[in-house]
Amino acid sequence: MHIFAVFNLKPGVSEDDYLAWARSTDLPTVNALPSIASFRVFRATRVLGSDAKPPFGWIEVLDIADMEQFGKDVATAAMGEVAAAFNNMVEVTFVTTEEVLA
């Protein structure tokens, strides 16, 4: 299963501050969770074929190896602190997915 987090930074949160936190805390902490196969963060750069601004500035992709373990992982105090810091910086929507195969 994959979870996509699409978000924009809250007013007053700089890209530099968010990126420093993502690189030092979010990426290494989440990637170290037993339930995570991979966790990546992307900056949206443009809407393909358009000059329009993307509706979201950032996208996180979580590849969940074990959803039951993920529930346990995110319930820890350490992940509570990471989630609180994240929520203080962003306005986010989380989307769970199922892959469509041929």
C-alpha atoms as a PDB file:
ATOM      1  CA  MET A   1       0.000   0.000   0.000  1.00  0.00           C
ATOM      2  CA  HIS A   2       1.053   3.546  -0.641  1.00  0.00           C
ATOM      3  CA  ILE A   3       0.078   6.699   1.169  1.00  0.00           C
ATOM      4  CA  PHE A   4       0.449  10.024  -0.582  1.00  0.00           C
ATOM      5  CA  ALA A   5       0.593  13.189   1.495  1.00  0.00           C
ATOM      6  CA  VAL A   6      -0.058  16.273  -0.615  1.00  0.00           C
ATOM      7  CA  PHE A   7       0.518  19.577   1.095  1.00  0.00           C
ATOM      8  CA  ASN A   8       1.459  23.220   1.126  1.00  0.00           C
ATOM      9  CA  LEU A   9       3.523  24.972   3.726  1.00  0.00           C
ATOM     10  CA  LYS A  10       1.582  27.089   6.194  1.00  0.00           C
ATOM     11  CA  PRO A  11       1.989  30.865   5.980  1.00  0.00           C
ATOM     12  CA  GLY A  12       5.194  31.907   7.696  1.00  0.00           C
ATOM     13  CA  VAL A  13       6.951  28.544   7.190  1.00  0.00           C
ATOM     14  CA  SER A  14       9.921  28.924   4.859  1.00  0.00           C
ATOM     15  CA  GLU A  15      10.988  26.272   2.373  1.00  0.00           C
ATOM     16  CA  ASP A  16      14.462  26.328   3.914  1.00  0.00           C
ATOM     17  CA  ASP A  17      13.075  25.584   7.390  1.00  0.00           C
ATOM     18  CA  TYR A  18      10.838  22.798   6.098  1.00  0.00           C
ATOM     19  CA  LEU A  19      13.628  21.229   4.026  1.00  0.00           C
ATOM     20  CA  ALA A  20      16.090  21.345   6.927  1.00  0.00           C
ATOM     21  CA  TRP A  21      13.557  19.569   9.150  1.00  0.00           C
ATOM     22  CA  ALA A  22      12.583  17.057   6.444  1.00  0.00           C
ATOM     23  CA  ARG A  23      16.230  16.143   5.804  1.00  0.00           C
ATOM     24  CA  SER A  24      17.316  16.005   9.443  1.00  0.00           C
ATOM     25  CA  THR A  25      14.221  14.515  11.071  1.00  0.00           C
ATOM     26  CA  ASP A  26      11.322  13.420   8.877  1.00  0.00           C
ATOM     27  CA  LEU A  27      13.128  11.409   6.196  1.00  0.00           C
ATOM     28  CA  PRO A  28      15.524   9.504   8.468  1.00  0.00           C
ATOM     29  CA  THR A  29      12.925   8.867  11.188  1.00  0.00           C
ATOM     30  CA  VAL A  30      10.179   7.591   8.898  1.00  0.00           C
ATOM     31  CA  ASN A  31      12.568   5.559   6.732  1.00  0.00           C
ATOM     32  CA  ALA A  32      13.813   3.821   9.908  1.00  0.00           C
ATOM     33  CA  LEU A  33      10.335   2.563  10.846  1.00  0.00           C
ATOM     34  CA  PRO A  34       9.969  -1.226  10.513  1.00  0.00           C
ATOM     35  CA  SER A  35       6.719  -0.801   8.546  1.00  0.00           C
ATOM     36  CA  ILE A  36       8.193   1.425   5.835  1.00  0.00           C
ATOM     37  CA  ALA A  37       9.626   0.021   2.601  1.00  0.00           C
ATOM     38  CA  SER A  38      10.455   3.553   1.444  1.00  0.00           C
ATOM     39  CA  PHE A  39       9.582   7.149   2.207  1.00  0.00           C
ATOM     40  CA  ARG A  40      10.343   9.981  -0.190  1.00  0.00           C
ATOM     41  CA  VAL A  41       9.584  13.691  -0.338  1.00  0.00           C
ATOM     42  CA  PHE A  42       9.073  15.602  -3.584  1.00  0.00           C
ATOM     43  CA  ARG A  43       8.756  19.306  -4.339  1.00  0.00           C
ATOM     44  CA  ALA A  44       6.168  20.033  -7.039  1.00  0.00           C
ATOM     45  CA  THR A  45       7.767  22.094  -9.789  1.00  0.00           C
ATOM     46  CA  ARG A  46       5.065  22.716 -12.395  1.00  0.00           C
ATOM     47  CA  VAL A  47       1.841  21.553 -13.976  1.00  0.00           C
ATOM     48  CA  LEU A  48       2.833  19.672 -17.117  1.00  0.00           C
ATOM     49  CA  GLY A  49       1.786  21.515 -20.278  1.00  0.00           C
ATOM     50  CA  SER A  50       0.780  24.630 -18.383  1.00  0.00           C
ATOM     51  CA  ASP A  51       2.112  27.738 -16.713  1.00  0.00           C
ATOM     52  CA  ALA A  52      -0.312  27.173 -13.823  1.00  0.00           C
ATOM     53  CA  LYS A  53       1.022  26.779 -10.316  1.00  0.00           C
ATOM     54  CA  PRO A  54       0.642  23.211  -8.967  1.00  0.00           C
ATOM     55  CA  PRO A  55      -2.213  22.916  -6.444  1.00  0.00           C
ATOM     56  CA  PHE A  56       0.205  21.401  -3.938  1.00  0.00           C
ATOM     57  CA  GLY A  57       3.819  22.396  -3.393  1.00  0.00           C
ATOM     58  CA  TRP A  58       4.934  19.109  -1.868  1.00  0.00           C
ATOM     59  CA  ILE A  59       4.207  15.394  -2.082  1.00  0.00           C
ATOM     60  CA  GLU A  60       5.343  12.655   0.276  1.00  0.00           C
ATOM     61  CA  VAL A  61       5.153   9.025  -0.844  1.00  0.00           C
ATOM     62  CA  LEU A  62       5.092   6.333   1.817  1.00  0.00           C
ATOM     63  CA  ASP A  63       5.457   2.744   0.619  1.00  0.00           C
ATOM     64  CA  ILE A  64       3.986   0.729   3.487  1.00  0.00           C
ATOM     65  CA  ALA A  65       5.373  -2.797   3.837  1.00  0.00           C
ATOM     66  CA  ASP A  66       3.121  -3.767   6.760  1.00  0.00           C
ATOM     67  CA  MET A  67      -0.016  -1.747   7.517  1.00  0.00           C
ATOM     68  CA  GLU A  68      -0.573  -3.352  10.930  1.00  0.00           C
ATOM     69  CA  GLN A  69       2.983  -2.504  11.962  1.00  0.00           C
ATOM     70  CA  PHE A  70       2.545   0.999  10.513  1.00  0.00           C
ATOM     71  CA  GLY A  71      -0.328   1.582  12.940  1.00  0.00           C
ATOM     72  CA  LYS A  72       1.958   0.575  15.811  1.00  0.00           C
ATOM     73  CA  ASP A  73       4.843   2.676  14.482  1.00  0.00           C
ATOM     74  CA  VAL A  74       2.838   5.882  14.205  1.00  0.00           C
ATOM     75  CA  ALA A  75       1.411   5.398  17.708  1.00  0.00           C
ATOM     76  CA  THR A  76       4.821   5.837  19.359  1.00  0.00           C
ATOM     77  CA  ALA A  77       5.769   8.984  21.256  1.00  0.00           C
ATOM     78  CA  ALA A  78       8.651   9.649  18.848  1.00  0.00           C
ATOM     79  CA  MET A  79       6.349   9.571  15.825  1.00  0.00           C
ATOM     80  CA  GLY A  80       3.840  11.716  17.710  1.00  0.00           C
ATOM     81  CA  GLU A  81       6.522  14.393  17.979  1.00  0.00           C
ATOM     82  CA  VAL A  82       7.378  14.083  14.273  1.00  0.00           C
ATOM     83  CA  ALA A  83       3.692  14.271  13.309  1.00  0.00           C
ATOM     84  CA  ALA A  84       3.126  17.312  15.538  1.00  0.00           C
ATOM     85  CA  ALA A  85       6.085  19.148  14.001  1.00  0.00           C
ATOM     86  CA  PHE A  86       4.873  18.246  10.498  1.00  0.00           C
ATOM     87  CA  ASN A  87       1.321  19.429  11.227  1.00  0.00           C
ATOM     88  CA  ASN A  88       2.657  22.717  12.605  1.00  0.00           C
ATOM     89  CA  MET A  89       4.374  23.400   9.279  1.00  0.00           C
ATOM     90  CA  VAL A  90       1.901  22.175   6.663  1.00  0.00           C
ATOM     91  CA  GLU A  91      -1.703  21.959   5.513  1.00  0.00           C
ATOM     92  CA  VAL A  92      -1.918  18.312   4.430  1.00  0.00           C
ATOM     93  CA  THR A  93      -4.231  15.752   2.881  1.00  0.00           C
ATOM     94  CA  PHE A  94      -3.337  12.058   3.204  1.00  0.00           C
ATOM     95  CA  VAL A  95      -4.544   9.708   0.466  1.00  0.00           C
ATOM     96  CA  THR A  96      -4.334   5.921   0.749  1.00  0.00           C
ATOM     97  CA  THR A  97      -4.118   3.982  -2.508  1.00  0.00           C
ATOM     98  CA  GLU A  98      -4.384   0.608  -4.126  1.00  0.00           C
ATOM     99  CA  GLU A  99      -2.325  -0.063  -7.213  1.00  0.00           C
ATOM    100  CA  VAL A 100      -4.174  -0.975 -10.395  1.00  0.00           C
ATOM    101  CA  LEU A 101      -2.452  -3.808 -12.238  1.00  0.00           C
ATOM    102  CA  ALA A 102      -2.918  -5.020 -15.810  1.00  0.00           C
END
